[in-house]
């Protein structure tokens, strides 16, 4: 069996209780992010529309398009391509605000974009995924075989991201002291939670992960470079201030791959190529994000 068909036929082992734990972990992470959000943060977007609209464009339009171009060039196995489309359709990752702050970027823009993109993703993630996957014949065929119900996907994303986000904003408004203390606790452990997320996902499938890591690494590296470059060059092209460029780069290059894994194990039965590339993205974007943020911090 060649690599392509083997990856496309693998299904990772994952129990319903594991999936429930991952859903709860991701909701907790989103709640922790939202504790820093205020309703006033969305007013910031109205007062500073250029950075906001470019951030939305870079993340929700340009990145999926460039991902499609990359898939056409690299021609990965269909399940891997499906994973790349899903990652590109996800909103910004939970650590983007921390990395933006570390890089001395525009933290207000980062927090505002995280909140808005998470809410927008309730609609945009299923639609973007379906749209771009349908533009590539192998993934279009694979989606027909899976028969994905997109209405269920909307509900899942809303429950995992939308509800915790709203609860976090409300908590900040009516219990600001608690929100501040809880945020300081949840922020540093959010990375650990996601690490546990990935470990649980691959605890019973480690041999498969190690078998394909060399190929997966190159696909994710190329995809992550495209994502980071999408935000950076969009900001530079439209002559945004350097702090805004840093934030756009990080917001576009750090994707919520945890959400991607939940959707994969819920609706795709742990499809191997999708799960492996999404999980490795979750590890790699932390490495690349920390590296870029540290470099920017030292040169500021």
Protein backbone atom coordinates (compact mmCIF):
# COMPACT_ATOMS: atom_id res chain seq x y z
CA UNK A 1 0.00 0.00 0.00
CA UNK A 2 1.52 3.36 -0.97
CA UNK A 3 1.78 6.29 1.44
CA UNK A 4 -1.17 8.14 -0.05
CA UNK A 5 -3.70 5.32 0.16
CA UNK A 6 -2.35 4.23 3.57
CA UNK A 7 -2.77 7.68 5.10
CA UNK A 8 -6.22 8.04 3.55
CA UNK A 9 -7.38 4.70 4.95
CA UNK A 10 -6.03 5.07 8.51
CA UNK A 11 -8.51 5.80 11.28
CA UNK A 12 -7.04 6.83 14.63
CA UNK A 13 -8.37 5.23 17.79
CA UNK A 14 -10.38 7.64 19.91
CA UNK A 15 -13.12 6.85 22.45
CA UNK A 16 -16.28 8.91 23.10
CA UNK A 17 -14.99 9.76 26.58
CA UNK A 18 -11.71 11.05 25.11
CA UNK A 19 -13.68 13.19 22.67
CA UNK A 20 -15.82 14.63 25.48
CA UNK A 21 -12.65 15.52 27.40
CA UNK A 22 -11.21 17.26 24.35
CA UNK A 23 -14.41 19.25 23.83
CA UNK A 24 -14.39 20.38 27.46
CA UNK A 25 -10.68 21.25 27.30
CA UNK A 26 -11.14 23.38 24.20
CA UNK A 27 -14.17 25.14 25.68
CA UNK A 28 -12.14 25.90 28.82
CA UNK A 29 -9.30 27.31 26.74
CA UNK A 30 -11.75 29.53 24.83
CA UNK A 31 -13.31 30.70 28.09
CA UNK A 32 -9.84 31.63 29.38
CA UNK A 33 -9.14 33.66 26.24
CA UNK A 34 -12.52 35.41 26.52
CA UNK A 35 -11.87 36.50 30.11
CA UNK A 36 -9.62 39.21 28.66
CA UNK A 37 -12.30 40.39 26.25
CA UNK A 38 -14.68 43.27 26.85
CA UNK A 39 -17.58 44.50 24.79
CA UNK A 40 -15.50 47.66 24.36
CA UNK A 41 -12.84 45.66 22.53
CA UNK A 42 -15.23 45.32 19.60
CA UNK A 43 -15.58 49.11 19.56
CA UNK A 44 -11.82 49.24 19.01
CA UNK A 45 -12.35 47.47 15.72
CA UNK A 46 -14.83 50.11 14.58
CA UNK A 47 -12.37 52.87 15.45
CA UNK A 48 -9.44 51.10 13.77
CA UNK A 49 -11.04 49.42 10.76
CA UNK A 50 -7.97 49.12 8.53
CA UNK A 51 -6.04 46.64 10.68
CA UNK A 52 -9.23 44.78 11.52
CA UNK A 53 -10.45 44.30 7.95
CA UNK A 54 -6.98 43.35 6.73
CA UNK A 55 -6.72 40.83 9.55
CA UNK A 56 -10.06 39.27 8.60
CA UNK A 57 -9.06 39.27 4.92
CA UNK A 58 -5.69 37.64 5.64
CA UNK A 59 -7.11 34.92 7.86
CA UNK A 60 -10.47 34.07 6.31
CA UNK A 61 -9.93 34.78 2.60
CA UNK A 62 -6.24 34.90 1.68
CA UNK A 63 -5.04 31.96 3.80
CA UNK A 64 -7.66 29.47 2.50
CA UNK A 65 -6.93 30.60 -1.08
CA UNK A 66 -3.15 30.21 -0.60
CA UNK A 67 -3.75 26.83 1.03
CA UNK A 68 -5.62 25.73 -2.09
CA UNK A 69 -2.69 26.94 -4.23
CA UNK A 70 -0.23 25.06 -1.99
CA UNK A 71 -2.28 21.87 -2.24
CA UNK A 72 -2.26 22.13 -6.03
CA UNK A 73 1.54 22.52 -5.98
CA UNK A 74 2.37 19.85 -3.37
CA UNK A 75 -0.36 17.35 -4.31
CA UNK A 76 -0.55 15.65 -0.90
CA UNK A 77 -2.79 12.63 -0.21
CA UNK A 78 -6.50 13.63 -0.21
CA UNK A 79 -6.92 13.16 3.56
CA UNK A 80 -3.87 15.36 4.20
CA UNK A 81 -5.19 18.04 1.83
CA UNK A 82 -8.54 17.87 3.65
CA UNK A 83 -6.68 18.48 6.92
CA UNK A 84 -4.89 21.48 5.43
CA UNK A 85 -8.18 23.00 4.26
CA UNK A 86 -9.67 22.45 7.72
CA UNK A 87 -6.73 24.09 9.52
CA UNK A 88 -6.92 27.08 7.16
CA UNK A 89 -10.66 27.41 7.88
CA UNK A 90 -10.20 27.47 11.67
CA UNK A 91 -10.00 30.77 13.60
CA UNK A 92 -6.85 32.04 15.33
CA UNK A 93 -5.26 29.89 18.00
CA UNK A 94 -5.70 30.35 21.73
CA UNK A 95 -2.10 31.49 22.30
CA UNK A 96 -2.05 34.20 19.63
CA UNK A 97 -2.75 36.97 22.16
CA UNK A 98 0.13 35.86 24.37
CA UNK A 99 2.51 35.62 21.40
CA UNK A 100 1.40 39.01 20.05
CA UNK A 101 2.09 40.57 23.44
CA UNK A 102 5.48 38.84 23.64
CA UNK A 103 6.39 40.15 20.17
CA UNK A 104 5.40 43.70 21.23
CA UNK A 105 2.63 43.71 18.66
CA UNK A 106 -0.73 45.47 18.86
CA UNK A 107 -2.29 43.54 21.73
CA UNK A 108 -5.61 45.38 21.50
CA UNK A 109 -5.90 44.42 17.83
CA UNK A 110 -4.92 40.83 18.65
CA UNK A 111 -7.52 40.44 21.41
CA UNK A 112 -10.22 42.05 19.27
CA UNK A 113 -9.42 39.90 16.24
CA UNK A 114 -9.42 36.75 18.38
CA UNK A 115 -12.87 37.54 19.73
CA UNK A 116 -14.35 38.49 16.38
CA UNK A 117 -12.74 35.64 14.45
CA UNK A 118 -13.94 33.10 17.01
CA UNK A 119 -17.52 34.35 16.66
CA UNK A 120 -17.25 34.58 12.87
CA UNK A 121 -15.84 31.05 12.70
CA UNK A 122 -19.21 29.62 13.74
CA UNK A 123 -20.23 30.38 10.16
CA UNK A 124 -16.93 30.78 8.33
CA UNK A 125 -15.18 27.57 9.41
CA UNK A 126 -17.75 25.11 7.96
CA UNK A 127 -18.34 27.30 4.87
CA UNK A 128 -14.66 27.96 4.11
CA UNK A 129 -13.81 24.30 4.61
CA UNK A 130 -16.61 23.10 2.33
CA UNK A 131 -15.86 25.73 -0.32
CA UNK A 132 -12.12 25.19 -0.75
CA UNK A 133 -12.25 21.42 -0.32
CA UNK A 134 -14.78 21.34 -3.18
CA UNK A 135 -12.32 23.18 -5.46
CA UNK A 136 -9.85 20.28 -5.30
CA UNK A 137 -11.10 17.13 -7.00
CA UNK A 138 -9.58 14.48 -4.64
CA UNK A 139 -10.95 16.18 -1.49
CA UNK A 140 -14.29 16.85 -3.16
CA UNK A 141 -14.59 13.12 -3.83
CA UNK A 142 -13.54 12.27 -0.28
CA UNK A 143 -16.15 14.64 1.18
CA UNK A 144 -18.87 12.93 -0.90
CA UNK A 145 -17.82 9.58 0.56
CA UNK A 146 -17.97 10.97 4.11
CA UNK A 147 -21.32 12.80 3.64
CA UNK A 148 -20.59 15.54 6.19
CA UNK A 149 -23.62 17.26 7.76
CA UNK A 150 -22.62 20.93 7.88
CA UNK A 151 -25.55 21.97 10.07
CA UNK A 152 -24.17 19.74 12.84
CA UNK A 153 -20.74 21.28 12.30
CA UNK A 154 -22.16 24.79 12.79
CA UNK A 155 -23.70 23.71 16.09
CA UNK A 156 -20.48 22.07 17.31
CA UNK A 157 -18.35 25.15 16.57
CA UNK A 158 -20.94 27.40 18.22
CA UNK A 159 -20.99 25.30 21.39
CA UNK A 160 -17.20 24.96 21.64
CA UNK A 161 -16.24 28.54 20.73
CA UNK A 162 -19.30 30.80 20.78
CA UNK A 163 -20.79 29.89 24.16
CA UNK A 164 -17.50 30.03 26.16
CA UNK A 165 -16.62 33.29 24.40
CA UNK A 166 -19.88 34.96 25.41
CA UNK A 167 -19.63 33.59 28.97
CA UNK A 168 -16.07 34.92 29.25
CA UNK A 169 -17.07 38.41 28.12
CA UNK A 170 -20.02 38.43 30.53
CA UNK A 171 -17.74 37.26 33.35
CA UNK A 172 -15.32 40.09 32.62
CA UNK A 173 -18.15 42.62 32.67
CA UNK A 174 -19.88 41.51 35.86
CA UNK A 175 -17.05 39.85 37.84
CA UNK A 176 -13.92 41.64 36.64
CA UNK A 177 -11.82 40.75 39.71
CA UNK A 178 -12.55 37.06 39.29
CA UNK A 179 -11.94 37.31 35.52
CA UNK A 180 -8.53 38.91 36.08
CA UNK A 181 -7.43 36.23 38.56
CA UNK A 182 -8.83 33.37 36.51
CA UNK A 183 -7.22 34.69 33.33
CA UNK A 184 -3.78 34.66 34.96
CA UNK A 185 -4.28 31.02 35.87
CA UNK A 186 -5.82 29.86 32.60
CA UNK A 187 -3.38 31.68 30.28
CA UNK A 188 -0.19 29.80 31.22
CA UNK A 189 -1.92 26.43 31.42
CA UNK A 190 -3.67 26.81 28.05
CA UNK A 191 -0.55 25.60 26.25
CA UNK A 192 -0.33 22.64 28.62
CA UNK A 193 -3.99 21.84 28.04
CA UNK A 194 -3.46 21.76 24.30
CA UNK A 195 -0.32 19.62 24.73
CA UNK A 196 -2.43 17.14 26.71
CA UNK A 197 -5.03 17.43 23.93
CA UNK A 198 -2.51 16.18 21.37
CA UNK A 199 -1.05 13.51 23.69
CA UNK A 200 -4.52 12.05 24.31
CA UNK A 201 -5.27 12.06 20.60
CA UNK A 202 -2.13 10.09 19.81
CA UNK A 203 -1.67 7.96 22.94
CA UNK A 204 -2.90 4.87 21.14
CA UNK A 205 -1.58 5.83 17.69
CA UNK A 206 2.01 6.88 18.35
CA UNK A 207 3.47 4.32 15.92
CA UNK A 208 1.46 5.82 13.07
CA UNK A 209 2.56 9.33 14.01
CA UNK A 210 6.27 8.45 14.05
CA UNK A 211 5.95 6.51 10.80
CA UNK A 212 4.75 9.53 8.83
CA UNK A 213 6.32 12.44 10.72
CA UNK A 214 9.03 13.16 8.13
CA UNK A 215 6.46 13.76 5.39
CA UNK A 216 3.97 15.51 7.67
CA UNK A 217 6.69 17.86 8.93
CA UNK A 218 7.41 19.17 5.42
CA UNK A 219 3.73 19.67 4.59
CA UNK A 220 3.04 21.54 7.84
CA UNK A 221 6.24 23.59 7.58
CA UNK A 222 5.27 24.80 4.09
CA UNK A 223 1.68 25.49 5.16
CA UNK A 224 2.71 27.41 8.28
CA UNK A 225 5.19 29.53 6.31
CA UNK A 226 2.39 30.39 3.89
CA UNK A 227 0.09 31.33 6.81
CA UNK A 228 2.68 33.52 8.54
CA UNK A 229 3.65 35.10 5.23
CA UNK A 230 0.01 35.82 4.42
CA UNK A 231 -0.37 38.02 7.50
CA UNK A 232 3.07 39.61 7.26
CA UNK A 233 2.99 40.63 3.60
CA UNK A 234 -0.64 41.79 3.76
CA UNK A 235 0.29 44.13 6.62
CA UNK A 236 3.41 45.34 4.83
CA UNK A 237 1.66 45.81 1.49
CA UNK A 238 -0.97 48.05 3.06
CA UNK A 239 1.65 49.91 5.13
CA UNK A 240 0.34 49.08 8.59
CA UNK A 241 2.44 50.09 11.61
CA UNK A 242 4.98 47.43 12.66
CA UNK A 243 3.02 46.38 15.81
CA UNK A 244 -0.03 45.74 13.61
CA UNK A 245 2.07 43.76 11.12
CA UNK A 246 3.38 41.58 13.96
CA UNK A 247 -0.13 40.93 15.22
CA UNK A 248 -1.49 40.10 11.75
CA UNK A 249 1.39 37.68 11.15
CA UNK A 250 0.75 35.85 14.41
CA UNK A 251 -3.06 35.89 14.16
CA UNK A 252 -2.90 34.33 10.68
CA UNK A 253 -0.07 31.90 11.44
CA UNK A 254 -1.48 30.56 14.72
CA UNK A 255 -4.61 28.53 13.95
CA UNK A 256 -7.01 26.83 16.36
CA UNK A 257 -5.98 23.31 15.42
CA UNK A 258 -7.62 22.05 18.62
CA UNK A 259 -10.97 22.89 17.07
CA UNK A 260 -9.83 21.07 13.95
CA UNK A 261 -9.09 17.91 15.93
CA UNK A 262 -12.49 18.01 17.64
CA UNK A 263 -14.21 18.24 14.25
CA UNK A 264 -12.05 15.46 12.82
CA UNK A 265 -12.81 13.01 15.63
CA UNK A 266 -16.49 14.00 15.70
CA UNK A 267 -17.35 13.98 11.99
CA UNK A 268 -14.49 12.22 10.17
CA UNK A 269 -13.97 9.18 12.43
CA UNK A 270 -10.36 10.15 13.14
CA UNK A 271 -9.34 10.11 9.46
CA UNK A 272 -5.59 9.54 9.66
CA UNK A 273 -4.16 12.08 7.23
CA UNK A 274 -6.41 14.85 8.58
CA UNK A 275 -5.73 14.09 12.24
CA UNK A 276 -1.97 13.68 11.95
CA UNK A 277 -1.40 16.89 10.00
CA UNK A 278 -3.75 18.89 12.24
CA UNK A 279 -2.13 17.64 15.45
CA UNK A 280 1.39 18.31 14.15
CA UNK A 281 0.28 21.81 13.10
CA UNK A 282 -0.81 22.36 16.71
CA UNK A 283 2.68 21.49 17.92
CA UNK A 284 4.63 23.24 15.18
CA UNK A 285 2.79 26.58 15.22
CA UNK A 286 3.72 26.96 18.90
CA UNK A 287 7.38 26.47 17.99
CA UNK A 288 7.32 28.82 15.00
CA UNK A 289 5.16 31.37 16.86
CA UNK A 290 7.43 31.45 19.91
CA UNK A 291 10.50 31.75 17.68
CA UNK A 292 9.11 34.67 15.68
CA UNK A 293 7.74 36.44 18.77
CA UNK A 294 11.06 36.07 20.59
CA UNK A 295 13.00 37.42 17.62
CA UNK A 296 10.69 40.42 17.30
CA UNK A 297 10.87 41.05 21.05
CA UNK A 298 14.68 41.09 21.02
CA UNK A 299 14.82 43.48 18.06
CA UNK A 300 12.19 45.94 19.33
